[in-house]
Amino acid sequence: MIRQNHKFQKGSKKEITGILFIWLLFTALTVFLILANIKLKAHRERVQAGILDLSLQIEVLKKEIALFDSKISGKFDPFYLEKQAREVLNLKKAGEQAVIILNSPSETKESQNIERQSDKLDNLFQDLIYRIRRFFRF
């Protein structure tokens, strides 16, 4: 007579259930880690793009700083200071005489004609705007 081992059959269901539970737990953990890794990779790419953008901005700002430094150092140049004193402040050196050059009469007439034409153009546009407003009753 062959003896049947009932414990082996009952234990096999428990063992299969336990193995299946461990396999599901391991699979869920693996999927969770894969998804977390994908999210971290996307976040890392965004951060690296931001770092690259900021490094480009830093380079631009360094160039601007260098430009401003050169402008500041040029402010103490004696030739620059003399030019600014003559042009902006209308100063002169001791012993120099100031000379005023007036426009010739033909240049004066031309400038007056240009002013009249610009006034006519301004009046034309103002008239046009007035008519449009009146038409739409603003």
N, C-alpha and C. Protein backbone atom coordinates (compact mmCIF):
# COMPACT_ATOMS: atom_id res chain seq x y z
N MET A 1 0.80 -1.15 0.00
CA MET A 1 0.00 0.00 0.00
C MET A 1 0.86 1.25 0.00
N ILE A 2 0.42 2.20 -0.85
CA ILE A 2 1.16 3.44 -0.96
C ILE A 2 0.48 4.47 -0.08
N ARG A 3 1.27 4.98 0.72
CA ARG A 3 0.76 5.97 1.64
C ARG A 3 0.78 7.34 0.97
N GLN A 4 -0.31 8.04 1.06
CA GLN A 4 -0.37 9.37 0.48
C GLN A 4 0.04 10.39 1.54
N ASN A 5 0.78 11.31 1.11
CA ASN A 5 1.25 12.34 2.03
C ASN A 5 0.36 13.56 1.87
N HIS A 6 -0.60 13.67 2.79
CA HIS A 6 -1.52 14.79 2.75
C HIS A 6 -0.84 16.10 3.15
N LYS A 7 0.15 16.01 4.00
CA LYS A 7 0.84 17.21 4.43
C LYS A 7 1.55 17.86 3.26
N PHE A 8 2.08 17.04 2.37
CA PHE A 8 2.80 17.58 1.22
C PHE A 8 1.84 18.33 0.31
N GLN A 9 0.67 17.80 0.10
CA GLN A 9 -0.29 18.45 -0.77
C GLN A 9 -0.83 19.74 -0.13
N LYS A 10 -1.15 19.69 1.17
CA LYS A 10 -1.63 20.90 1.84
C LYS A 10 -0.51 21.93 1.93
N GLY A 11 0.66 21.49 2.22
CA GLY A 11 1.79 22.39 2.33
C GLY A 11 2.12 23.01 0.98
N SER A 12 1.89 22.30 -0.08
CA SER A 12 2.20 22.83 -1.40
C SER A 12 1.30 24.02 -1.73
N LYS A 13 0.04 23.99 -1.33
CA LYS A 13 -0.84 25.14 -1.56
C LYS A 13 -0.37 26.35 -0.76
N LYS A 14 0.04 26.11 0.47
CA LYS A 14 0.54 27.20 1.31
C LYS A 14 1.85 27.73 0.74
N GLU A 15 2.68 26.78 0.31
CA GLU A 15 3.95 27.20 -0.26
C GLU A 15 3.75 27.99 -1.55
N ILE A 16 2.84 27.54 -2.40
CA ILE A 16 2.56 28.25 -3.66
C ILE A 16 2.00 29.64 -3.36
N THR A 17 1.10 29.71 -2.38
CA THR A 17 0.53 30.99 -2.01
C THR A 17 1.62 31.91 -1.45
N GLY A 18 2.50 31.40 -0.62
CA GLY A 18 3.59 32.19 -0.07
C GLY A 18 4.55 32.66 -1.15
N ILE A 19 4.90 31.74 -2.05
CA ILE A 19 5.80 32.10 -3.15
C ILE A 19 5.15 33.14 -4.05
N LEU A 20 3.85 32.93 -4.33
CA LEU A 20 3.12 33.89 -5.16
C LEU A 20 3.08 35.26 -4.48
N PHE A 21 2.86 35.31 -3.17
CA PHE A 21 2.84 36.57 -2.43
C PHE A 21 4.21 37.25 -2.48
N ILE A 22 5.27 36.48 -2.26
CA ILE A 22 6.62 37.04 -2.31
C ILE A 22 6.93 37.54 -3.73
N TRP A 23 6.51 36.78 -4.75
CA TRP A 23 6.76 37.19 -6.13
C TRP A 23 6.01 38.49 -6.44
N LEU A 24 4.74 38.60 -6.00
CA LEU A 24 3.97 39.82 -6.22
C LEU A 24 4.59 41.00 -5.48
N LEU A 25 5.06 40.77 -4.26
CA LEU A 25 5.70 41.81 -3.49
C LEU A 25 6.99 42.28 -4.18
N PHE A 26 7.77 41.33 -4.63
CA PHE A 26 9.01 41.66 -5.34
C PHE A 26 8.71 42.40 -6.65
N THR A 27 7.71 41.97 -7.40
CA THR A 27 7.33 42.62 -8.66
C THR A 27 6.83 44.05 -8.39
N ALA A 28 6.02 44.23 -7.37
CA ALA A 28 5.52 45.56 -7.03
C ALA A 28 6.68 46.47 -6.63
N LEU A 29 7.60 45.94 -5.84
CA LEU A 29 8.76 46.72 -5.44
C LEU A 29 9.62 47.10 -6.65
N THR A 30 9.81 46.16 -7.56
CA THR A 30 10.59 46.43 -8.78
C THR A 30 9.91 47.49 -9.63
N VAL A 31 8.61 47.41 -9.83
CA VAL A 31 7.87 48.40 -10.63
C VAL A 31 7.96 49.76 -9.96
N PHE A 32 7.80 49.79 -8.62
CA PHE A 32 7.90 51.06 -7.89
C PHE A 32 9.28 51.68 -8.08
N LEU A 33 10.32 50.89 -7.97
CA LEU A 33 11.68 51.42 -8.14
C LEU A 33 11.94 51.89 -9.57
N ILE A 34 11.40 51.18 -10.54
CA ILE A 34 11.57 51.60 -11.94
C ILE A 34 10.87 52.93 -12.18
N LEU A 35 9.64 53.07 -11.70
CA LEU A 35 8.91 54.33 -11.88
C LEU A 35 9.59 55.48 -11.14
N ALA A 36 10.09 55.19 -9.94
CA ALA A 36 10.80 56.24 -9.20
C ALA A 36 12.07 56.65 -9.95
N ASN A 37 12.75 55.69 -10.54
CA ASN A 37 13.96 55.99 -11.31
C ASN A 37 13.64 56.85 -12.54
N ILE A 38 12.53 56.55 -13.19
CA ILE A 38 12.13 57.33 -14.37
C ILE A 38 11.81 58.77 -13.95
N LYS A 39 11.09 58.93 -12.84
CA LYS A 39 10.77 60.27 -12.36
C LYS A 39 12.03 61.03 -11.96
N LEU A 40 12.96 60.35 -11.31
CA LEU A 40 14.21 61.00 -10.93
C LEU A 40 15.03 61.40 -12.15
N LYS A 41 15.01 60.58 -13.17
CA LYS A 41 15.74 60.91 -14.40
C LYS A 41 15.15 62.15 -15.05
N ALA A 42 13.82 62.23 -15.13
CA ALA A 42 13.17 63.41 -15.71
C ALA A 42 13.47 64.65 -14.88
N HIS A 43 13.44 64.51 -13.56
CA HIS A 43 13.74 65.64 -12.68
C HIS A 43 15.20 66.07 -12.86
N ARG A 44 16.10 65.11 -12.96
CA ARG A 44 17.52 65.42 -13.15
C ARG A 44 17.74 66.16 -14.47
N GLU A 45 17.03 65.75 -15.54
CA GLU A 45 17.17 66.44 -16.83
C GLU A 45 16.67 67.88 -16.74
N ARG A 46 15.55 68.09 -16.02
CA ARG A 46 15.04 69.46 -15.85
C ARG A 46 16.03 70.31 -15.07
N VAL A 47 16.59 69.74 -14.03
CA VAL A 47 17.55 70.48 -13.21
C VAL A 47 18.80 70.80 -14.01
N GLN A 48 19.28 69.83 -14.81
CA GLN A 48 20.47 70.08 -15.63
C GLN A 48 20.20 71.15 -16.68
N ALA A 49 18.99 71.15 -17.26
CA ALA A 49 18.64 72.20 -18.22
C ALA A 49 18.61 73.55 -17.52
N GLY A 50 18.07 73.59 -16.31
CA GLY A 50 18.06 74.84 -15.54
C GLY A 50 19.47 75.31 -15.21
N ILE A 51 20.34 74.37 -14.86
CA ILE A 51 21.74 74.72 -14.56
C ILE A 51 22.41 75.28 -15.81
N LEU A 52 22.16 74.66 -16.96
CA LEU A 52 22.75 75.15 -18.21
C LEU A 52 22.25 76.56 -18.51
N ASP A 53 20.95 76.79 -18.33
CA ASP A 53 20.39 78.11 -18.57
C ASP A 53 21.00 79.14 -17.63
N LEU A 54 21.13 78.77 -16.36
CA LEU A 54 21.72 79.70 -15.40
C LEU A 54 23.20 79.96 -15.70
N SER A 55 23.91 78.94 -16.16
CA SER A 55 25.33 79.17 -16.48
C SER A 55 25.46 80.10 -17.69
N LEU A 56 24.54 80.01 -18.64
CA LEU A 56 24.55 80.94 -19.77
C LEU A 56 24.25 82.36 -19.29
N GLN A 57 23.29 82.49 -18.37
CA GLN A 57 22.98 83.80 -17.82
C GLN A 57 24.18 84.37 -17.05
N ILE A 58 24.90 83.50 -16.35
CA ILE A 58 26.08 83.95 -15.62
C ILE A 58 27.13 84.47 -16.59
N GLU A 59 27.32 83.78 -17.72
CA GLU A 59 28.29 84.23 -18.71
C GLU A 59 27.91 85.60 -19.27
N VAL A 60 26.62 85.79 -19.54
CA VAL A 60 26.15 87.08 -20.06
C VAL A 60 26.40 88.17 -19.02
N LEU A 61 26.10 87.86 -17.76
CA LEU A 61 26.30 88.85 -16.70
C LEU A 61 27.79 89.16 -16.50
N LYS A 62 28.64 88.15 -16.64
CA LYS A 62 30.08 88.40 -16.53
C LYS A 62 30.56 89.33 -17.64
N LYS A 63 30.02 89.14 -18.86
CA LYS A 63 30.38 90.02 -19.96
C LYS A 63 29.91 91.45 -19.69
N GLU A 64 28.68 91.58 -19.14
CA GLU A 64 28.17 92.91 -18.80
C GLU A 64 29.02 93.56 -17.72
N ILE A 65 29.44 92.78 -16.74
CA ILE A 65 30.29 93.31 -15.67
C ILE A 65 31.61 93.81 -16.25
N ALA A 66 32.19 93.01 -17.16
CA ALA A 66 33.44 93.43 -17.79
C ALA A 66 33.25 94.72 -18.59
N LEU A 67 32.11 94.83 -19.28
CA LEU A 67 31.82 96.03 -20.05
C LEU A 67 31.69 97.25 -19.13
N PHE A 68 30.95 97.07 -18.04
CA PHE A 68 30.77 98.18 -17.09
C PHE A 68 32.09 98.55 -16.42
N ASP A 69 32.90 97.54 -16.11
CA ASP A 69 34.21 97.84 -15.52
C ASP A 69 35.07 98.65 -16.48
N SER A 70 35.01 98.29 -17.77
CA SER A 70 35.80 99.06 -18.74
C SER A 70 35.26 100.48 -18.88
N LYS A 71 33.94 100.63 -18.81
CA LYS A 71 33.37 101.98 -18.87
C LYS A 71 33.76 102.79 -17.65
N ILE A 72 33.74 102.14 -16.49
CA ILE A 72 34.11 102.86 -15.27
C ILE A 72 35.58 103.27 -15.31
N SER A 73 36.44 102.37 -15.76
CA SER A 73 37.86 102.70 -15.80
C SER A 73 38.12 103.81 -16.83
N GLY A 74 37.29 103.87 -17.88
CA GLY A 74 37.44 104.93 -18.89
C GLY A 74 37.01 106.28 -18.36
N LYS A 75 36.19 106.30 -17.32
CA LYS A 75 35.71 107.57 -16.76
C LYS A 75 36.85 108.36 -16.11
N PHE A 76 37.92 107.71 -15.75
CA PHE A 76 39.03 108.39 -15.10
C PHE A 76 40.14 108.75 -16.08
N ASP A 77 39.92 108.49 -17.35
CA ASP A 77 40.88 108.85 -18.38
C ASP A 77 40.86 110.37 -18.56
N PRO A 78 42.01 111.04 -18.56
CA PRO A 78 42.02 112.50 -18.66
C PRO A 78 41.39 113.02 -19.97
N PHE A 79 41.58 112.30 -21.06
CA PHE A 79 40.99 112.74 -22.34
C PHE A 79 39.47 112.67 -22.29
N TYR A 80 38.95 111.60 -21.67
CA TYR A 80 37.49 111.46 -21.55
C TYR A 80 36.94 112.56 -20.65
N LEU A 81 37.61 112.83 -19.55
CA LEU A 81 37.14 113.88 -18.63
C LEU A 81 37.15 115.24 -19.30
N GLU A 82 38.18 115.53 -20.09
CA GLU A 82 38.24 116.81 -20.79
C GLU A 82 37.13 116.92 -21.83
N LYS A 83 36.89 115.84 -22.55
CA LYS A 83 35.83 115.84 -23.57
C LYS A 83 34.47 116.10 -22.93
N GLN A 84 34.20 115.41 -21.80
CA GLN A 84 32.92 115.61 -21.12
C GLN A 84 32.80 117.02 -20.57
N ALA A 85 33.89 117.56 -20.03
CA ALA A 85 33.85 118.92 -19.49
C ALA A 85 33.56 119.93 -20.59
N ARG A 86 34.13 119.74 -21.77
CA ARG A 86 33.90 120.68 -22.87
C ARG A 86 32.50 120.52 -23.46
N GLU A 87 32.06 119.29 -23.70
CA GLU A 87 30.79 119.06 -24.40
C GLU A 87 29.57 119.19 -23.49
N VAL A 88 29.64 118.59 -22.33
CA VAL A 88 28.46 118.55 -21.46
C VAL A 88 28.39 119.78 -20.56
N LEU A 89 29.50 120.13 -19.95
CA LEU A 89 29.49 121.24 -18.99
C LEU A 89 29.85 122.58 -19.61
N ASN A 90 30.21 122.58 -20.86
CA ASN A 90 30.60 123.80 -21.58
C ASN A 90 31.73 124.56 -20.88
N LEU A 91 32.70 123.82 -20.40
CA LEU A 91 33.86 124.44 -19.74
C LEU A 91 34.97 124.64 -20.76
N LYS A 92 35.92 125.50 -20.41
CA LYS A 92 37.06 125.75 -21.29
C LYS A 92 38.31 125.87 -20.43
N LYS A 93 39.45 125.69 -21.07
CA LYS A 93 40.71 125.81 -20.37
C LYS A 93 41.03 127.29 -20.16
N ALA A 94 41.90 127.54 -19.21
CA ALA A 94 42.30 128.92 -18.95
C ALA A 94 43.02 129.48 -20.18
N GLY A 95 42.64 130.66 -20.62
CA GLY A 95 43.27 131.29 -21.77
C GLY A 95 42.57 130.98 -23.08
N GLU A 96 41.64 130.07 -23.12
CA GLU A 96 40.90 129.78 -24.35
C GLU A 96 39.72 130.72 -24.48
N GLN A 97 39.29 130.91 -25.72
CA GLN A 97 38.11 131.74 -25.96
C GLN A 97 37.03 130.87 -26.56
N ALA A 98 35.79 131.07 -26.12
CA ALA A 98 34.66 130.32 -26.64
C ALA A 98 34.16 130.99 -27.90
N VAL A 99 33.83 130.19 -28.89
CA VAL A 99 33.33 130.71 -30.16
C VAL A 99 31.98 130.06 -30.42
N ILE A 100 31.01 130.88 -30.82
CA ILE A 100 29.68 130.39 -31.15
C ILE A 100 29.50 130.48 -32.65
N ILE A 101 29.11 129.37 -33.25
CA ILE A 101 28.89 129.33 -34.70
C ILE A 101 27.39 129.28 -34.94
N LEU A 102 26.88 130.26 -35.64
CA LEU A 102 25.45 130.34 -35.94
C LEU A 102 25.19 129.69 -37.29
N ASN A 103 23.96 129.24 -37.46
CA ASN A 103 23.57 128.67 -38.74
C ASN A 103 23.47 129.76 -39.79
N SER A 104 23.73 129.37 -41.02
CA SER A 104 23.57 130.33 -42.11
C SER A 104 22.08 130.56 -42.36
N PRO A 105 21.69 131.65 -43.02
CA PRO A 105 20.27 131.93 -43.26
C PRO A 105 19.58 130.82 -44.06
N SER A 106 20.29 130.19 -45.02
CA SER A 106 19.65 129.13 -45.81
C SER A 106 19.36 127.91 -44.93
N GLU A 107 20.28 127.59 -44.00
CA GLU A 107 20.03 126.47 -43.10
C GLU A 107 18.87 126.77 -42.16
N THR A 108 18.74 128.01 -41.76
CA THR A 108 17.64 128.40 -40.88
C THR A 108 16.31 128.24 -41.61
N LYS A 109 16.25 128.67 -42.88
CA LYS A 109 15.01 128.54 -43.66
C LYS A 109 14.67 127.07 -43.86
N GLU A 110 15.67 126.24 -44.13
CA GLU A 110 15.41 124.82 -44.33
C GLU A 110 14.87 124.18 -43.05
N SER A 111 15.44 124.54 -41.92
CA SER A 111 14.96 123.97 -40.66
C SER A 111 13.54 124.44 -40.36
N GLN A 112 13.20 125.71 -40.74
CA GLN A 112 11.85 126.20 -40.53
C GLN A 112 10.87 125.47 -41.44
N ASN A 113 11.27 125.20 -42.69
CA ASN A 113 10.41 124.45 -43.61
C ASN A 113 10.16 123.04 -43.08
N ILE A 114 11.18 122.41 -42.56
CA ILE A 114 11.02 121.06 -42.01
C ILE A 114 10.07 121.09 -40.83
N GLU A 115 10.19 122.10 -39.98
CA GLU A 115 9.31 122.22 -38.82
C GLU A 115 7.87 122.42 -39.27
N ARG A 116 7.65 123.24 -40.29
CA ARG A 116 6.29 123.48 -40.80
C ARG A 116 5.70 122.19 -41.36
N GLN A 117 6.51 121.42 -42.09
CA GLN A 117 6.01 120.17 -42.66
C GLN A 117 5.65 119.18 -41.56
N SER A 118 6.47 119.11 -40.53
CA SER A 118 6.16 118.19 -39.43
C SER A 118 4.91 118.66 -38.69
N ASP A 119 4.71 119.99 -38.55
CA ASP A 119 3.50 120.51 -37.92
C ASP A 119 2.28 120.17 -38.74
N LYS A 120 2.38 120.29 -40.07
CA LYS A 120 1.26 119.94 -40.95
C LYS A 120 0.92 118.46 -40.82
N LEU A 121 1.94 117.62 -40.75
CA LEU A 121 1.73 116.19 -40.62
C LEU A 121 1.08 115.88 -39.27
N ASP A 122 1.53 116.54 -38.21
CA ASP A 122 0.93 116.34 -36.89
C ASP A 122 -0.54 116.76 -36.91
N ASN A 123 -0.84 117.90 -37.53
CA ASN A 123 -2.22 118.37 -37.62
C ASN A 123 -3.07 117.40 -38.42
N LEU A 124 -2.51 116.82 -39.47
CA LEU A 124 -3.23 115.86 -40.30
C LEU A 124 -3.61 114.64 -39.46
N PHE A 125 -2.67 114.12 -38.70
CA PHE A 125 -2.94 112.95 -37.88
C PHE A 125 -3.93 113.27 -36.76
N GLN A 126 -3.82 114.46 -36.18
CA GLN A 126 -4.76 114.84 -35.13
C GLN A 126 -6.17 114.97 -35.71
N ASP A 127 -6.28 115.53 -36.89
CA ASP A 127 -7.57 115.65 -37.54
C ASP A 127 -8.15 114.28 -37.85
N LEU A 128 -7.32 113.37 -38.32
CA LEU A 128 -7.76 112.02 -38.62
C LEU A 128 -8.24 111.31 -37.36
N ILE A 129 -7.52 111.44 -36.28
CA ILE A 129 -7.92 110.81 -35.02
C ILE A 129 -9.23 111.42 -34.53
N TYR A 130 -9.38 112.73 -34.67
CA TYR A 130 -10.61 113.39 -34.25
C TYR A 130 -11.79 112.86 -35.05
N ARG A 131 -11.63 112.70 -36.35
CA ARG A 131 -12.74 112.20 -37.18
C ARG A 131 -13.09 110.75 -36.85
N ILE A 132 -12.09 109.96 -36.57
CA ILE A 132 -12.35 108.56 -36.21
C ILE A 132 -13.10 108.49 -34.89
N ARG A 133 -12.68 109.28 -33.91
CA ARG A 133 -13.37 109.29 -32.62
C ARG A 133 -14.80 109.78 -32.76
N ARG A 134 -14.97 110.81 -33.57
CA ARG A 134 -16.31 111.35 -33.78
C ARG A 134 -17.19 110.32 -34.48
N PHE A 135 -16.61 109.55 -35.41
CA PHE A 135 -17.37 108.55 -36.12
C PHE A 135 -17.81 107.44 -35.17
N PHE A 136 -16.91 107.01 -34.29
CA PHE A 136 -17.23 105.94 -33.37
C PHE A 136 -17.77 106.45 -32.05
N ARG A 137 -17.84 107.78 -31.87
CA ARG A 137 -18.39 108.44 -30.68
C ARG A 137 -17.67 108.00 -29.40
N PHE A 138 -16.37 108.21 -29.34
CA PHE A 138 -15.59 107.90 -28.14
C PHE A 138 -15.74 109.01 -27.15
